[in-house]
Amino acid sequence: QLQLTESGGGSVLAGESLTLSCAASGTAFGINSMGWFRQSPGKTREMVAMVGGGAARYANSAKGRFTITRRMETMTVDLQMNNLKPEATTVYYCTFSTMNGEDTWGPGTQVTVSS
């Protein structure tokens, strides 16, 4: 069974940077994409960045400022977030998806950006 653990969240000032990291443990077969989502209270979970099939996709709010990096040999995926804005404040979740559509989620890590 696959388990994910996020780290790197915290509190920063607007304009600063954070790098979120996600590490997988357990048995992982057929992982074809990894990514980061975020969710605020009362809102649906939204994609921030995904990588799979040799390509990365970003939410419009993340383009140009966020970079997702996947390391298959260590089963980790990082999200470098630069020039953070207060609206980025929320809980960020890591996810791994398999070719048969199974998704595994981490418990989440809080990011707080103060103006």
N, C-alpha and C. Protein backbone atom coordinates (compact mmCIF):
# COMPACT_ATOMS: atom_id res chain seq x y z
N GLN A 1 0.85 -1.18 0.00
CA GLN A 1 0.00 0.00 0.00
C GLN A 1 0.89 1.23 0.00
N LEU A 2 0.51 2.19 -0.83
CA LEU A 2 1.31 3.40 -0.97
C LEU A 2 0.89 4.45 0.04
N GLN A 3 1.86 5.13 0.64
CA GLN A 3 1.59 6.25 1.54
C GLN A 3 2.44 7.44 1.12
N LEU A 4 1.86 8.62 1.22
CA LEU A 4 2.54 9.84 0.84
C LEU A 4 2.68 10.76 2.05
N THR A 5 3.82 11.43 2.12
CA THR A 5 4.07 12.36 3.21
C THR A 5 4.60 13.66 2.63
N GLU A 6 3.89 14.76 2.93
CA GLU A 6 4.33 16.07 2.46
C GLU A 6 5.17 16.76 3.53
N SER A 7 6.05 17.64 3.08
CA SER A 7 6.83 18.48 3.99
C SER A 7 7.16 19.78 3.29
N GLY A 8 7.64 20.74 4.06
CA GLY A 8 8.08 22.00 3.46
C GLY A 8 7.11 23.15 3.58
N GLY A 9 5.91 22.88 4.08
CA GLY A 9 4.97 23.97 4.26
C GLY A 9 5.42 24.90 5.37
N GLY A 10 4.79 26.06 5.47
CA GLY A 10 5.14 27.00 6.52
C GLY A 10 4.57 28.36 6.26
N SER A 11 5.10 29.34 6.97
CA SER A 11 4.64 30.71 6.85
C SER A 11 5.74 31.58 6.26
N VAL A 12 5.39 32.34 5.24
CA VAL A 12 6.35 33.24 4.59
C VAL A 12 5.67 34.56 4.30
N LEU A 13 6.47 35.54 3.91
CA LEU A 13 5.95 36.83 3.49
C LEU A 13 5.71 36.81 1.98
N ALA A 14 4.81 37.64 1.55
CA ALA A 14 4.55 37.76 0.11
C ALA A 14 5.86 38.07 -0.62
N GLY A 15 6.06 37.39 -1.75
CA GLY A 15 7.27 37.56 -2.53
C GLY A 15 8.35 36.53 -2.22
N GLU A 16 8.20 35.85 -1.10
CA GLU A 16 9.19 34.83 -0.74
C GLU A 16 8.85 33.49 -1.40
N SER A 17 9.73 32.51 -1.14
CA SER A 17 9.60 31.20 -1.79
C SER A 17 9.47 30.08 -0.77
N LEU A 18 8.87 29.00 -1.20
CA LEU A 18 8.79 27.75 -0.44
C LEU A 18 8.94 26.59 -1.40
N THR A 19 9.50 25.50 -0.91
CA THR A 19 9.54 24.26 -1.69
C THR A 19 8.82 23.18 -0.90
N LEU A 20 7.76 22.65 -1.48
CA LEU A 20 7.05 21.52 -0.90
C LEU A 20 7.64 20.23 -1.44
N SER A 21 7.77 19.24 -0.57
CA SER A 21 8.28 17.95 -0.99
C SER A 21 7.30 16.85 -0.60
N CYS A 22 7.24 15.84 -1.43
CA CYS A 22 6.36 14.70 -1.18
C CYS A 22 7.15 13.42 -1.39
N ALA A 23 7.13 12.57 -0.39
CA ALA A 23 7.85 11.30 -0.49
C ALA A 23 6.86 10.15 -0.36
N ALA A 24 7.09 9.12 -1.17
CA ALA A 24 6.24 7.94 -1.14
C ALA A 24 6.91 6.80 -0.40
N SER A 25 6.12 6.04 0.30
CA SER A 25 6.62 4.83 0.94
C SER A 25 5.63 3.70 0.70
N GLY A 26 6.13 2.48 0.80
CA GLY A 26 5.26 1.35 0.54
C GLY A 26 5.40 0.87 -0.89
N THR A 27 4.42 0.13 -1.33
CA THR A 27 4.45 -0.48 -2.65
C THR A 27 3.78 0.42 -3.68
N ALA A 28 4.50 0.69 -4.75
CA ALA A 28 3.97 1.55 -5.79
C ALA A 28 4.16 0.90 -7.14
N PHE A 29 3.06 0.56 -7.82
CA PHE A 29 3.13 -0.01 -9.16
C PHE A 29 2.34 0.86 -10.12
N GLY A 30 2.87 1.03 -11.27
CA GLY A 30 2.12 1.71 -12.31
C GLY A 30 1.85 3.17 -12.06
N ILE A 31 2.72 3.84 -11.33
CA ILE A 31 2.55 5.28 -11.12
C ILE A 31 2.84 6.00 -12.42
N ASN A 32 1.88 6.75 -12.92
CA ASN A 32 2.13 7.44 -14.18
C ASN A 32 2.03 8.95 -14.07
N SER A 33 1.58 9.45 -12.94
CA SER A 33 1.58 10.90 -12.77
C SER A 33 1.64 11.24 -11.29
N MET A 34 2.22 12.39 -11.03
CA MET A 34 2.34 12.91 -9.66
C MET A 34 1.97 14.37 -9.71
N GLY A 35 1.50 14.88 -8.60
CA GLY A 35 1.13 16.28 -8.65
C GLY A 35 0.80 16.88 -7.31
N TRP A 36 0.45 18.14 -7.39
CA TRP A 36 0.09 18.92 -6.22
C TRP A 36 -1.26 19.60 -6.46
N PHE A 37 -2.11 19.51 -5.46
CA PHE A 37 -3.40 20.18 -5.45
C PHE A 37 -3.47 21.05 -4.19
N ARG A 38 -4.45 21.90 -4.15
CA ARG A 38 -4.68 22.68 -2.93
C ARG A 38 -6.18 22.84 -2.73
N GLN A 39 -6.54 23.03 -1.47
CA GLN A 39 -7.95 23.15 -1.14
C GLN A 39 -8.14 24.06 0.05
N SER A 40 -9.01 25.03 -0.13
CA SER A 40 -9.38 25.95 0.96
C SER A 40 -10.73 25.51 1.51
N PRO A 41 -11.03 25.86 2.76
CA PRO A 41 -12.30 25.48 3.37
C PRO A 41 -13.49 25.92 2.53
N GLY A 42 -14.40 24.99 2.27
CA GLY A 42 -15.60 25.32 1.51
C GLY A 42 -15.41 25.35 0.01
N LYS A 43 -14.21 25.06 -0.45
CA LYS A 43 -13.94 25.09 -1.89
C LYS A 43 -13.51 23.72 -2.37
N THR A 44 -13.65 23.49 -3.68
CA THR A 44 -13.21 22.21 -4.24
C THR A 44 -11.69 22.18 -4.36
N ARG A 45 -11.15 20.98 -4.33
CA ARG A 45 -9.71 20.82 -4.47
C ARG A 45 -9.33 21.16 -5.91
N GLU A 46 -8.29 21.95 -6.08
CA GLU A 46 -7.88 22.37 -7.41
C GLU A 46 -6.44 21.97 -7.71
N MET A 47 -6.19 21.66 -8.96
CA MET A 47 -4.86 21.27 -9.39
C MET A 47 -3.95 22.48 -9.41
N VAL A 48 -2.75 22.33 -8.87
CA VAL A 48 -1.73 23.36 -8.93
C VAL A 48 -0.71 23.01 -10.00
N ALA A 49 -0.20 21.77 -9.96
CA ALA A 49 0.77 21.31 -10.93
C ALA A 49 0.75 19.80 -10.98
N MET A 50 0.90 19.25 -12.19
CA MET A 50 0.95 17.80 -12.38
C MET A 50 2.07 17.48 -13.35
N VAL A 51 2.68 16.32 -13.17
CA VAL A 51 3.71 15.86 -14.10
C VAL A 51 3.46 14.40 -14.40
N GLY A 52 3.49 14.07 -15.69
CA GLY A 52 3.30 12.70 -16.12
C GLY A 52 3.37 12.62 -17.62
N GLY A 53 3.75 11.46 -18.12
CA GLY A 53 3.85 11.31 -19.56
C GLY A 53 4.87 12.21 -20.19
N GLY A 54 5.87 12.62 -19.39
CA GLY A 54 6.92 13.47 -19.92
C GLY A 54 6.57 14.93 -20.01
N ALA A 55 5.45 15.32 -19.44
CA ALA A 55 5.03 16.72 -19.53
C ALA A 55 4.52 17.20 -18.19
N ALA A 56 4.66 18.49 -17.95
CA ALA A 56 4.15 19.12 -16.75
C ALA A 56 3.01 20.07 -17.11
N ARG A 57 2.01 20.13 -16.26
CA ARG A 57 0.89 21.06 -16.44
C ARG A 57 0.76 21.90 -15.19
N TYR A 58 0.39 23.16 -15.38
CA TYR A 58 0.27 24.09 -14.28
C TYR A 58 -1.07 24.82 -14.34
N ALA A 59 -1.58 25.14 -13.16
CA ALA A 59 -2.71 26.04 -13.11
C ALA A 59 -2.24 27.41 -13.59
N ASN A 60 -3.16 28.20 -14.12
CA ASN A 60 -2.77 29.52 -14.60
C ASN A 60 -2.12 30.35 -13.51
N SER A 61 -2.58 30.20 -12.29
CA SER A 61 -2.03 30.97 -11.17
C SER A 61 -0.61 30.56 -10.82
N ALA A 62 -0.18 29.39 -11.30
CA ALA A 62 1.14 28.87 -10.96
C ALA A 62 2.16 29.05 -12.09
N LYS A 63 1.68 29.27 -13.29
CA LYS A 63 2.58 29.36 -14.43
C LYS A 63 3.58 30.50 -14.27
N GLY A 64 4.84 30.17 -14.51
CA GLY A 64 5.89 31.17 -14.43
C GLY A 64 6.48 31.37 -13.05
N ARG A 65 5.80 30.87 -12.03
CA ARG A 65 6.30 31.05 -10.66
C ARG A 65 6.53 29.73 -9.94
N PHE A 66 5.83 28.69 -10.32
CA PHE A 66 5.95 27.38 -9.66
C PHE A 66 6.62 26.39 -10.60
N THR A 67 7.40 25.48 -10.05
CA THR A 67 8.03 24.42 -10.84
C THR A 67 7.87 23.09 -10.13
N ILE A 68 7.35 22.11 -10.86
CA ILE A 68 7.20 20.77 -10.30
C ILE A 68 8.33 19.89 -10.82
N THR A 69 8.91 19.10 -9.90
CA THR A 69 10.02 18.22 -10.25
C THR A 69 9.74 16.83 -9.71
N ARG A 70 9.80 15.86 -10.60
CA ARG A 70 9.55 14.46 -10.21
C ARG A 70 10.84 13.67 -10.27
N ARG A 71 11.07 12.83 -9.28
CA ARG A 71 12.22 11.94 -9.25
C ARG A 71 11.70 10.52 -9.06
N MET A 72 11.63 9.79 -10.16
CA MET A 72 11.06 8.45 -10.11
C MET A 72 11.93 7.50 -9.31
N GLU A 73 13.26 7.71 -9.33
CA GLU A 73 14.16 6.78 -8.63
C GLU A 73 13.98 6.86 -7.13
N THR A 74 13.52 7.99 -6.63
CA THR A 74 13.30 8.13 -5.20
C THR A 74 11.82 8.28 -4.86
N MET A 75 10.98 8.23 -5.88
CA MET A 75 9.53 8.37 -5.71
C MET A 75 9.20 9.63 -4.91
N THR A 76 9.75 10.74 -5.36
CA THR A 76 9.47 12.02 -4.73
C THR A 76 9.02 13.03 -5.78
N VAL A 77 8.26 13.99 -5.33
CA VAL A 77 7.86 15.08 -6.21
C VAL A 77 7.87 16.37 -5.40
N ASP A 78 8.55 17.37 -5.94
CA ASP A 78 8.69 18.65 -5.27
C ASP A 78 7.92 19.73 -6.02
N LEU A 79 7.54 20.75 -5.29
CA LEU A 79 6.90 21.92 -5.89
C LEU A 79 7.63 23.16 -5.39
N GLN A 80 8.41 23.76 -6.27
CA GLN A 80 9.11 24.99 -5.94
C GLN A 80 8.15 26.14 -6.22
N MET A 81 7.87 26.95 -5.21
CA MET A 81 6.92 28.06 -5.36
C MET A 81 7.66 29.37 -5.09
N ASN A 82 7.76 30.19 -6.12
CA ASN A 82 8.45 31.47 -6.02
C ASN A 82 7.46 32.62 -6.05
N ASN A 83 7.89 33.75 -5.51
CA ASN A 83 7.07 34.96 -5.53
C ASN A 83 5.65 34.66 -5.05
N LEU A 84 5.58 34.10 -3.87
CA LEU A 84 4.28 33.69 -3.35
C LEU A 84 3.40 34.89 -3.04
N LYS A 85 2.09 34.70 -3.25
CA LYS A 85 1.12 35.73 -2.99
C LYS A 85 0.18 35.29 -1.86
N PRO A 86 -0.42 36.23 -1.15
CA PRO A 86 -1.32 35.85 -0.04
C PRO A 86 -2.43 34.90 -0.44
N GLU A 87 -2.90 34.99 -1.68
CA GLU A 87 -3.98 34.10 -2.11
C GLU A 87 -3.52 32.66 -2.26
N ALA A 88 -2.23 32.38 -2.13
CA ALA A 88 -1.73 31.02 -2.15
C ALA A 88 -1.90 30.33 -0.80
N THR A 89 -2.36 31.07 0.19
CA THR A 89 -2.54 30.51 1.52
C THR A 89 -3.64 29.46 1.53
N THR A 90 -3.28 28.25 1.86
CA THR A 90 -4.23 27.14 1.99
C THR A 90 -3.45 25.87 2.28
N VAL A 91 -4.13 24.73 2.26
CA VAL A 91 -3.50 23.43 2.46
C VAL A 91 -3.18 22.81 1.10
N TYR A 92 -1.97 22.32 0.97
CA TYR A 92 -1.50 21.72 -0.27
C TYR A 92 -1.38 20.20 -0.08
N TYR A 93 -1.84 19.48 -1.10
CA TYR A 93 -1.87 18.02 -1.05
C TYR A 93 -1.07 17.44 -2.21
N CYS A 94 -0.30 16.43 -1.90
CA CYS A 94 0.43 15.67 -2.92
C CYS A 94 -0.43 14.49 -3.35
N THR A 95 -0.33 14.10 -4.62
CA THR A 95 -1.06 12.95 -5.11
C THR A 95 -0.25 12.17 -6.13
N PHE A 96 -0.37 10.86 -6.07
CA PHE A 96 0.20 9.96 -7.07
C PHE A 96 -0.98 9.22 -7.73
N SER A 97 -0.93 9.10 -9.03
CA SER A 97 -1.99 8.41 -9.76
C SER A 97 -1.41 7.26 -10.56
N THR A 98 -2.17 6.16 -10.59
CA THR A 98 -1.72 5.00 -11.36
C THR A 98 -2.40 4.96 -12.72
N MET A 99 -1.90 4.07 -13.56
CA MET A 99 -2.44 3.95 -14.91
C MET A 99 -3.88 3.44 -14.91
N ASN A 100 -4.29 2.76 -13.83
CA ASN A 100 -5.67 2.28 -13.78
C ASN A 100 -6.58 3.22 -13.01
N GLY A 101 -6.11 4.45 -12.77
CA GLY A 101 -6.97 5.47 -12.21
C GLY A 101 -7.03 5.55 -10.70
N GLU A 102 -6.15 4.84 -10.01
CA GLU A 102 -6.15 4.91 -8.55
C GLU A 102 -5.32 6.11 -8.08
N ASP A 103 -5.88 6.87 -7.18
CA ASP A 103 -5.21 8.05 -6.65
C ASP A 103 -4.89 7.85 -5.17
N THR A 104 -3.68 8.24 -4.80
CA THR A 104 -3.29 8.25 -3.40
C THR A 104 -2.98 9.69 -3.01
N TRP A 105 -3.43 10.09 -1.83
CA TRP A 105 -3.25 11.47 -1.37
C TRP A 105 -2.47 11.51 -0.07
N GLY A 106 -1.67 12.56 0.09
CA GLY A 106 -1.02 12.81 1.34
C GLY A 106 -1.96 13.52 2.29
N PRO A 107 -1.58 13.70 3.55
CA PRO A 107 -2.44 14.35 4.54
C PRO A 107 -2.52 15.86 4.39
N GLY A 108 -1.61 16.45 3.59
CA GLY A 108 -1.64 17.89 3.38
C GLY A 108 -0.63 18.64 4.22
N THR A 109 -0.22 19.79 3.69
CA THR A 109 0.70 20.66 4.42
C THR A 109 0.23 22.11 4.25
N GLN A 110 0.25 22.86 5.32
CA GLN A 110 -0.27 24.22 5.32
C GLN A 110 0.76 25.20 4.79
N VAL A 111 0.32 26.06 3.89
CA VAL A 111 1.13 27.18 3.40
C VAL A 111 0.40 28.47 3.75
N THR A 112 1.12 29.37 4.40
CA THR A 112 0.55 30.65 4.77
C THR A 112 1.44 31.76 4.25
N VAL A 113 0.85 32.67 3.48
CA VAL A 113 1.60 33.79 2.90
C VAL A 113 0.99 35.08 3.43
N SER A 114 1.79 35.86 4.11
CA SER A 114 1.32 37.10 4.71
C SER A 114 1.77 38.29 3.88
N SER A 115 0.92 39.28 3.81
CA SER A 115 1.27 40.48 3.03
C SER A 115 2.02 41.49 3.89
